[in-house]
N, C-alpha and C. Protein backbone atom coordinates (compact mmCIF):
# COMPACT_ATOMS: atom_id res chain seq x y z
N MET A 1 22.23 8.21 4.34
CA MET A 1 21.22 7.85 3.54
C MET A 1 21.14 9.05 2.26
N ALA A 2 21.19 8.13 1.12
CA ALA A 2 21.17 8.95 -0.15
C ALA A 2 19.95 9.35 -0.69
N THR A 3 19.72 10.16 -1.54
CA THR A 3 18.55 10.41 -2.12
C THR A 3 18.76 10.64 -3.61
N TYR A 4 17.56 10.85 -4.57
CA TYR A 4 17.75 11.24 -5.77
C TYR A 4 18.54 12.39 -6.20
N ASP A 5 18.34 13.36 -5.42
CA ASP A 5 19.06 14.52 -5.39
C ASP A 5 20.64 14.36 -5.28
N ASP A 6 20.90 13.62 -4.18
CA ASP A 6 22.40 13.29 -4.34
C ASP A 6 22.92 12.40 -5.57
N VAL A 7 22.07 11.40 -6.08
CA VAL A 7 22.39 10.65 -7.54
C VAL A 7 22.44 11.78 -8.66
N ALA A 8 21.37 12.88 -8.80
CA ALA A 8 21.60 13.98 -9.62
C ALA A 8 23.23 14.68 -9.58
N ARG A 9 23.27 15.05 -8.36
CA ARG A 9 24.63 15.75 -7.98
C ARG A 9 25.80 15.00 -8.30
N LEU A 10 25.93 13.91 -7.80
CA LEU A 10 27.24 12.86 -8.10
C LEU A 10 27.04 12.54 -9.76
N ALA A 11 26.29 12.26 -10.17
CA ALA A 11 26.18 11.89 -11.61
C ALA A 11 26.65 13.19 -12.59
N SER A 12 25.94 14.18 -12.30
CA SER A 12 26.31 15.31 -12.99
C SER A 12 27.70 15.62 -12.74
N ALA A 13 28.48 15.47 -12.03
CA ALA A 13 30.00 15.70 -11.80
C ALA A 13 30.68 14.71 -12.74
N LEU A 14 30.34 13.59 -13.51
CA LEU A 14 30.66 13.06 -14.44
C LEU A 14 30.82 13.45 -15.62
N PRO A 15 31.62 13.18 -16.57
CA PRO A 15 31.72 14.03 -17.97
C PRO A 15 30.65 13.61 -18.92
N GLU A 16 30.08 14.73 -19.51
CA GLU A 16 29.16 14.43 -20.56
C GLU A 16 27.89 13.52 -19.91
N VAL A 17 27.58 13.79 -18.84
CA VAL A 17 26.21 13.33 -18.40
C VAL A 17 25.00 14.03 -19.05
N GLU A 18 24.03 13.26 -19.41
CA GLU A 18 22.97 13.98 -19.85
C GLU A 18 21.68 13.26 -18.93
N ASP A 19 20.83 14.39 -18.11
CA ASP A 19 19.75 13.67 -17.48
C ASP A 19 18.43 13.91 -18.17
N GLY A 20 17.75 13.05 -17.92
CA GLY A 20 16.40 12.64 -18.59
C GLY A 20 15.32 12.04 -18.02
N SER A 21 14.13 11.42 -18.69
CA SER A 21 13.32 10.82 -18.03
C SER A 21 12.78 9.70 -18.91
N ARG A 22 12.23 8.68 -18.48
CA ARG A 22 11.58 7.69 -19.62
C ARG A 22 10.64 6.80 -18.52
N TYR A 23 9.80 6.00 -19.15
CA TYR A 23 8.61 5.33 -18.57
C TYR A 23 8.41 5.97 -17.12
N ARG A 24 7.27 6.46 -17.30
CA ARG A 24 6.30 7.32 -16.30
C ARG A 24 7.11 8.53 -15.69
N GLY A 25 7.93 8.88 -16.45
CA GLY A 25 8.96 10.35 -16.07
C GLY A 25 10.04 9.90 -14.79
N HIS A 26 10.37 8.61 -14.88
CA HIS A 26 11.63 8.40 -13.82
C HIS A 26 12.75 8.85 -14.37
N CYS A 27 13.72 9.54 -13.62
CA CYS A 27 14.75 9.97 -13.97
C CYS A 27 15.74 9.08 -14.55
N THR A 28 16.62 9.37 -15.34
CA THR A 28 17.80 8.79 -15.96
C THR A 28 19.12 9.47 -16.01
N TRP A 29 20.16 9.08 -16.06
CA TRP A 29 21.39 9.54 -16.18
C TRP A 29 22.08 8.69 -17.32
N ALA A 30 22.64 9.34 -18.28
CA ALA A 30 23.16 8.61 -19.64
C ALA A 30 24.55 9.52 -19.95
N VAL A 31 25.19 8.88 -20.71
CA VAL A 31 26.62 9.36 -21.05
C VAL A 31 26.60 8.92 -22.65
N ARG A 32 26.51 9.96 -23.45
CA ARG A 32 26.59 9.83 -24.90
C ARG A 32 25.22 9.01 -25.12
N GLY A 33 24.21 9.17 -24.66
CA GLY A 33 23.12 8.48 -25.27
C GLY A 33 23.14 7.15 -24.35
N LYS A 34 23.86 6.44 -23.67
CA LYS A 34 23.66 5.08 -23.04
C LYS A 34 23.29 5.55 -21.61
N VAL A 35 22.15 5.11 -21.04
CA VAL A 35 21.84 5.19 -19.75
C VAL A 35 22.62 4.13 -18.95
N PHE A 36 23.16 4.79 -18.00
CA PHE A 36 23.77 4.01 -16.69
C PHE A 36 23.31 3.98 -15.55
N ALA A 37 22.48 4.96 -15.18
CA ALA A 37 21.56 4.79 -13.93
C ALA A 37 20.22 5.45 -13.99
N TRP A 38 19.01 4.70 -13.48
CA TRP A 38 17.85 5.29 -13.56
C TRP A 38 16.99 4.80 -12.30
N GLU A 39 15.98 5.62 -12.10
CA GLU A 39 15.10 5.41 -10.87
C GLU A 39 14.48 4.20 -11.17
N ARG A 40 14.25 3.40 -10.35
CA ARG A 40 13.70 1.88 -10.64
C ARG A 40 12.66 1.55 -9.38
N PRO A 41 11.55 2.39 -9.26
CA PRO A 41 10.78 1.68 -8.21
C PRO A 41 10.07 0.36 -8.67
N PHE A 42 9.43 -0.42 -7.75
CA PHE A 42 9.03 -1.65 -8.02
C PHE A 42 7.54 -1.58 -8.73
N SER A 43 7.57 -2.42 -9.81
CA SER A 43 6.47 -2.50 -10.51
C SER A 43 5.35 -3.29 -9.73
N LYS A 44 4.18 -3.40 -10.06
CA LYS A 44 3.02 -4.30 -9.33
C LYS A 44 3.58 -5.70 -9.92
N ALA A 45 4.13 -5.96 -10.57
CA ALA A 45 4.71 -7.49 -10.97
C ALA A 45 5.74 -7.79 -10.17
N ASP A 46 6.74 -6.68 -9.96
CA ASP A 46 7.72 -7.26 -8.93
C ASP A 46 7.29 -7.28 -7.62
N LEU A 47 6.19 -6.31 -7.16
CA LEU A 47 5.86 -6.60 -5.93
C LEU A 47 5.22 -7.91 -5.84
N ARG A 48 4.48 -8.53 -6.80
CA ARG A 48 4.01 -9.95 -6.82
C ARG A 48 5.02 -10.75 -6.70
N ARG A 49 5.94 -10.69 -7.20
CA ARG A 49 7.25 -11.77 -7.27
C ARG A 49 7.90 -11.80 -6.01
N PHE A 50 7.67 -10.94 -5.15
CA PHE A 50 8.19 -10.94 -3.62
C PHE A 50 7.47 -11.81 -2.94
N GLY A 51 6.20 -12.08 -3.17
CA GLY A 51 5.55 -13.16 -2.52
C GLY A 51 5.07 -12.70 -0.97
N ASP A 52 5.52 -13.14 0.03
CA ASP A 52 5.07 -12.99 1.07
C ASP A 52 6.51 -12.24 1.64
N ALA A 53 7.39 -12.07 1.19
CA ALA A 53 8.67 -11.59 1.40
C ALA A 53 8.47 -9.98 1.35
N GLN A 54 9.18 -9.38 2.15
CA GLN A 54 9.09 -7.72 2.41
C GLN A 54 10.06 -7.39 1.29
N PRO A 55 9.65 -6.56 0.27
CA PRO A 55 10.22 -5.78 -0.56
C PRO A 55 11.48 -4.85 0.22
N PRO A 56 12.53 -4.46 -0.40
CA PRO A 56 13.23 -3.26 0.02
C PRO A 56 12.68 -2.02 0.34
N ALA A 57 12.67 -1.22 0.98
CA ALA A 57 11.87 -0.09 1.21
C ALA A 57 12.61 0.94 0.88
N GLY A 58 12.22 2.09 0.70
CA GLY A 58 12.91 3.24 0.21
C GLY A 58 13.10 3.56 -1.18
N PRO A 59 13.78 4.46 -1.72
CA PRO A 59 14.01 4.76 -2.79
C PRO A 59 15.05 3.68 -3.49
N ILE A 60 14.61 3.11 -4.64
CA ILE A 60 15.83 2.33 -5.51
C ILE A 60 16.09 2.86 -6.99
N LEU A 61 17.45 2.74 -6.85
CA LEU A 61 18.19 3.16 -8.13
C LEU A 61 18.90 1.94 -8.81
N ALA A 62 18.67 1.93 -10.23
CA ALA A 62 19.49 0.78 -10.83
C ALA A 62 20.48 1.56 -11.62
N LEU A 63 21.52 0.45 -11.45
CA LEU A 63 22.81 0.97 -12.12
C LEU A 63 23.39 -0.18 -13.12
N ALA A 64 24.05 0.38 -14.02
CA ALA A 64 24.72 -0.65 -15.16
C ALA A 64 25.84 -1.03 -14.32
N VAL A 65 26.22 -2.12 -14.70
CA VAL A 65 27.52 -2.82 -14.48
C VAL A 65 28.01 -3.29 -15.71
N GLU A 66 29.47 -3.86 -15.61
CA GLU A 66 30.11 -4.19 -16.79
C GLU A 66 29.68 -5.39 -17.60
N ASP A 67 29.38 -6.52 -16.69
CA ASP A 67 28.84 -7.40 -17.33
C ASP A 67 28.23 -8.37 -16.27
N LEU A 68 27.91 -9.87 -16.28
CA LEU A 68 27.26 -10.62 -15.36
C LEU A 68 28.34 -11.06 -14.20
N ASP A 69 29.38 -11.01 -14.58
CA ASP A 69 30.42 -11.30 -13.46
C ASP A 69 30.52 -10.34 -12.54
N GLU A 70 30.72 -9.19 -13.15
CA GLU A 70 30.80 -7.83 -12.39
C GLU A 70 29.79 -7.84 -11.57
N LYS A 71 28.35 -8.02 -12.02
CA LYS A 71 27.29 -7.93 -10.92
C LYS A 71 27.39 -8.85 -9.92
N GLU A 72 27.57 -10.20 -10.20
CA GLU A 72 27.83 -11.11 -9.14
C GLU A 72 28.82 -10.46 -8.02
N ALA A 73 29.87 -9.92 -8.41
CA ALA A 73 30.79 -9.45 -7.58
C ALA A 73 30.48 -8.29 -6.80
N VAL A 74 29.74 -7.46 -7.37
CA VAL A 74 28.94 -6.20 -6.80
C VAL A 74 28.09 -6.68 -5.84
N LEU A 75 27.06 -7.67 -5.94
CA LEU A 75 26.29 -8.13 -5.21
C LEU A 75 26.83 -8.88 -4.05
N ALA A 76 27.88 -9.48 -4.21
CA ALA A 76 28.46 -10.14 -2.93
C ALA A 76 29.37 -9.17 -2.21
N ALA A 77 29.95 -8.15 -2.71
CA ALA A 77 30.60 -7.16 -1.83
C ALA A 77 29.66 -6.31 -0.90
N ARG A 78 28.62 -6.03 -1.45
CA ARG A 78 27.57 -5.08 -1.01
C ARG A 78 26.13 -5.57 -0.52
N PRO A 79 26.20 -6.68 -0.01
CA PRO A 79 24.87 -7.31 0.22
C PRO A 79 23.76 -6.56 1.07
N GLY A 80 24.11 -5.49 1.61
CA GLY A 80 23.29 -4.67 2.36
C GLY A 80 22.49 -3.54 1.70
N SER A 81 23.18 -3.28 0.78
CA SER A 81 22.84 -1.98 -0.06
C SER A 81 22.51 -2.35 -1.50
N PHE A 82 23.09 -3.20 -1.94
CA PHE A 82 23.18 -3.96 -3.42
C PHE A 82 22.17 -5.02 -3.46
N PHE A 83 21.16 -5.04 -4.61
CA PHE A 83 20.53 -6.31 -4.73
C PHE A 83 19.90 -6.30 -5.89
N THR A 84 19.17 -7.65 -6.38
CA THR A 84 18.66 -7.75 -7.51
C THR A 84 17.44 -8.35 -7.49
N ILE A 85 16.61 -8.52 -8.55
CA ILE A 85 15.33 -9.09 -8.43
C ILE A 85 15.20 -9.61 -9.83
N GLU A 86 13.93 -10.63 -9.83
CA GLU A 86 13.90 -11.67 -10.89
C GLU A 86 14.12 -11.03 -12.30
N HIS A 87 13.37 -9.68 -12.22
CA HIS A 87 13.31 -8.93 -13.71
C HIS A 87 14.45 -8.64 -14.18
N PHE A 88 15.58 -8.67 -13.22
CA PHE A 88 16.92 -8.50 -13.82
C PHE A 88 17.86 -9.67 -14.26
N ASP A 89 17.43 -10.69 -13.92
CA ASP A 89 18.16 -11.95 -14.24
C ASP A 89 18.60 -11.78 -15.47
N GLY A 90 19.94 -12.14 -15.76
CA GLY A 90 20.62 -12.10 -17.11
C GLY A 90 20.65 -10.69 -17.47
N TYR A 91 20.76 -9.60 -16.89
CA TYR A 91 20.74 -8.34 -17.25
C TYR A 91 21.96 -7.72 -16.39
N ALA A 92 22.95 -7.14 -16.98
CA ALA A 92 24.03 -6.41 -16.41
C ALA A 92 23.76 -5.24 -15.57
N ALA A 93 23.07 -5.31 -14.80
CA ALA A 93 22.54 -4.11 -13.87
C ALA A 93 22.36 -4.73 -12.26
N VAL A 94 22.49 -3.68 -11.26
CA VAL A 94 22.08 -4.07 -9.99
C VAL A 94 21.29 -3.12 -9.34
N LEU A 95 20.45 -3.27 -8.43
CA LEU A 95 19.59 -2.25 -7.83
C LEU A 95 20.23 -2.07 -6.57
N VAL A 96 19.99 -0.46 -6.01
CA VAL A 96 20.57 0.06 -5.12
C VAL A 96 19.45 0.98 -4.21
N ARG A 97 19.61 0.19 -2.77
CA ARG A 97 18.88 0.89 -1.71
C ARG A 97 19.42 2.24 -1.40
N LEU A 98 18.81 3.45 -1.85
CA LEU A 98 19.37 4.65 -1.67
C LEU A 98 19.42 4.89 -0.18
N ASP A 99 18.32 4.63 0.62
CA ASP A 99 18.64 4.54 1.99
C ASP A 99 19.37 3.87 2.78
N ALA A 100 20.33 2.95 2.10
CA ALA A 100 21.34 1.96 2.96
C ALA A 100 22.83 2.44 2.22
N VAL A 101 22.95 3.65 1.31
CA VAL A 101 24.03 3.92 0.99
C VAL A 101 24.71 5.23 1.44
N GLY A 102 26.09 5.65 1.65
CA GLY A 102 26.41 6.86 1.97
C GLY A 102 27.04 7.56 0.56
N ASP A 103 27.05 8.87 0.55
CA ASP A 103 27.81 9.54 -0.70
C ASP A 103 29.13 8.77 -1.42
N ASP A 104 29.80 8.36 -0.37
CA ASP A 104 31.09 7.69 -1.09
C ASP A 104 30.78 6.44 -1.93
N GLU A 105 30.16 5.60 -0.96
CA GLU A 105 29.54 4.37 -1.98
C GLU A 105 28.87 4.79 -3.15
N LEU A 106 28.00 5.65 -2.99
CA LEU A 106 26.99 5.92 -4.06
C LEU A 106 27.98 6.46 -5.42
N ALA A 107 28.74 7.28 -4.99
CA ALA A 107 29.77 8.20 -6.06
C ALA A 107 30.69 7.21 -6.70
N GLU A 108 30.87 6.21 -5.98
CA GLU A 108 31.97 5.02 -6.52
C GLU A 108 31.08 4.26 -7.44
N ALA A 109 29.95 3.95 -6.90
CA ALA A 109 28.98 2.91 -7.94
C ALA A 109 28.73 3.56 -9.17
N LEU A 110 28.25 5.05 -9.07
CA LEU A 110 27.79 5.60 -10.01
C LEU A 110 28.88 5.80 -11.13
N GLU A 111 30.13 5.99 -10.40
CA GLU A 111 31.33 5.93 -11.37
C GLU A 111 31.54 4.62 -12.25
N ASP A 112 31.45 3.60 -11.36
CA ASP A 112 31.68 2.54 -12.25
C ASP A 112 30.50 2.21 -13.08
N ALA A 113 29.11 2.54 -12.83
CA ALA A 113 28.16 2.46 -14.06
C ALA A 113 28.57 3.36 -15.01
N TRP A 114 28.88 4.65 -14.91
CA TRP A 114 29.25 5.38 -15.94
C TRP A 114 30.16 4.85 -16.73
N LEU A 115 31.33 4.21 -16.14
CA LEU A 115 32.72 3.62 -16.93
C LEU A 115 31.80 2.46 -17.80
N ALA A 116 31.11 1.49 -17.11
CA ALA A 116 30.28 0.65 -18.13
C ALA A 116 29.78 0.92 -18.98
N LYS A 117 29.19 1.99 -19.50
CA LYS A 117 28.66 2.48 -20.44
C LYS A 117 29.21 3.85 -21.47
N ALA A 118 30.28 4.42 -20.96
CA ALA A 118 31.04 5.37 -21.61
C ALA A 118 31.84 4.60 -22.66
N PRO A 119 31.67 5.47 -23.76
CA PRO A 119 32.75 4.88 -24.71
C PRO A 119 34.33 4.91 -24.67
N ALA A 120 34.89 3.84 -25.43
CA ALA A 120 36.27 3.81 -24.66
C ALA A 120 36.98 5.01 -24.77
N ASP A 121 37.08 5.91 -25.64
CA ASP A 121 37.81 6.98 -25.55
C ASP A 121 37.59 8.09 -24.45
N LEU A 122 36.33 8.24 -24.15
CA LEU A 122 35.87 8.95 -23.15
C LEU A 122 36.46 8.39 -21.65
N ALA A 123 36.09 7.06 -21.84
CA ALA A 123 36.55 6.65 -20.33
C ALA A 123 38.10 6.49 -20.16
N GLU A 124 38.68 6.44 -21.16
CA GLU A 124 40.27 6.35 -21.12
C GLU A 124 40.49 7.83 -20.68
N THR A 125 39.96 8.84 -21.25
CA THR A 125 40.30 10.37 -21.04
C THR A 125 40.12 10.35 -19.42
N PHE A 126 39.00 9.82 -19.03
CA PHE A 126 38.59 10.21 -17.46
C PHE A 126 39.38 9.39 -16.81
N ARG A 127 39.67 8.29 -17.06
CA ARG A 127 40.58 7.58 -15.97
C ARG A 127 42.21 8.20 -15.93
N GLY A 128 42.55 8.76 -17.28
CA GLY A 128 43.82 9.49 -17.02
C GLY A 128 44.11 10.81 -16.40
N ARG A 129 42.90 11.20 -15.97
CA ARG A 129 42.76 12.55 -15.60
C ARG A 129 43.43 13.14 -14.08
């Protein structure tokens, strides 16, 4: 089970990561000003959209993905821990149940999200390390 502390630790290991906060003080992680991961608790509107269905429990993290095709691939590959909601329709990001992922899976997902937002020169340097 991962926590936001694990997210902060793993994200800060990536190059040029800045942590911050936005919307009601929720934590964000960015690379050169582009947010690639953020705390994403459900809003009242999100909860209403679940209707009678039980929303996923535990802390939720949002992660950027490269594009909508990548989003579909991630959701198909990790249906137990990665998901989306109506609010994210048409948006290149997925949600992660932190209580359903381990360190390795989270580290890989954060790296992919970082690569989706990092400038090309920085991503190229990182890949060549």
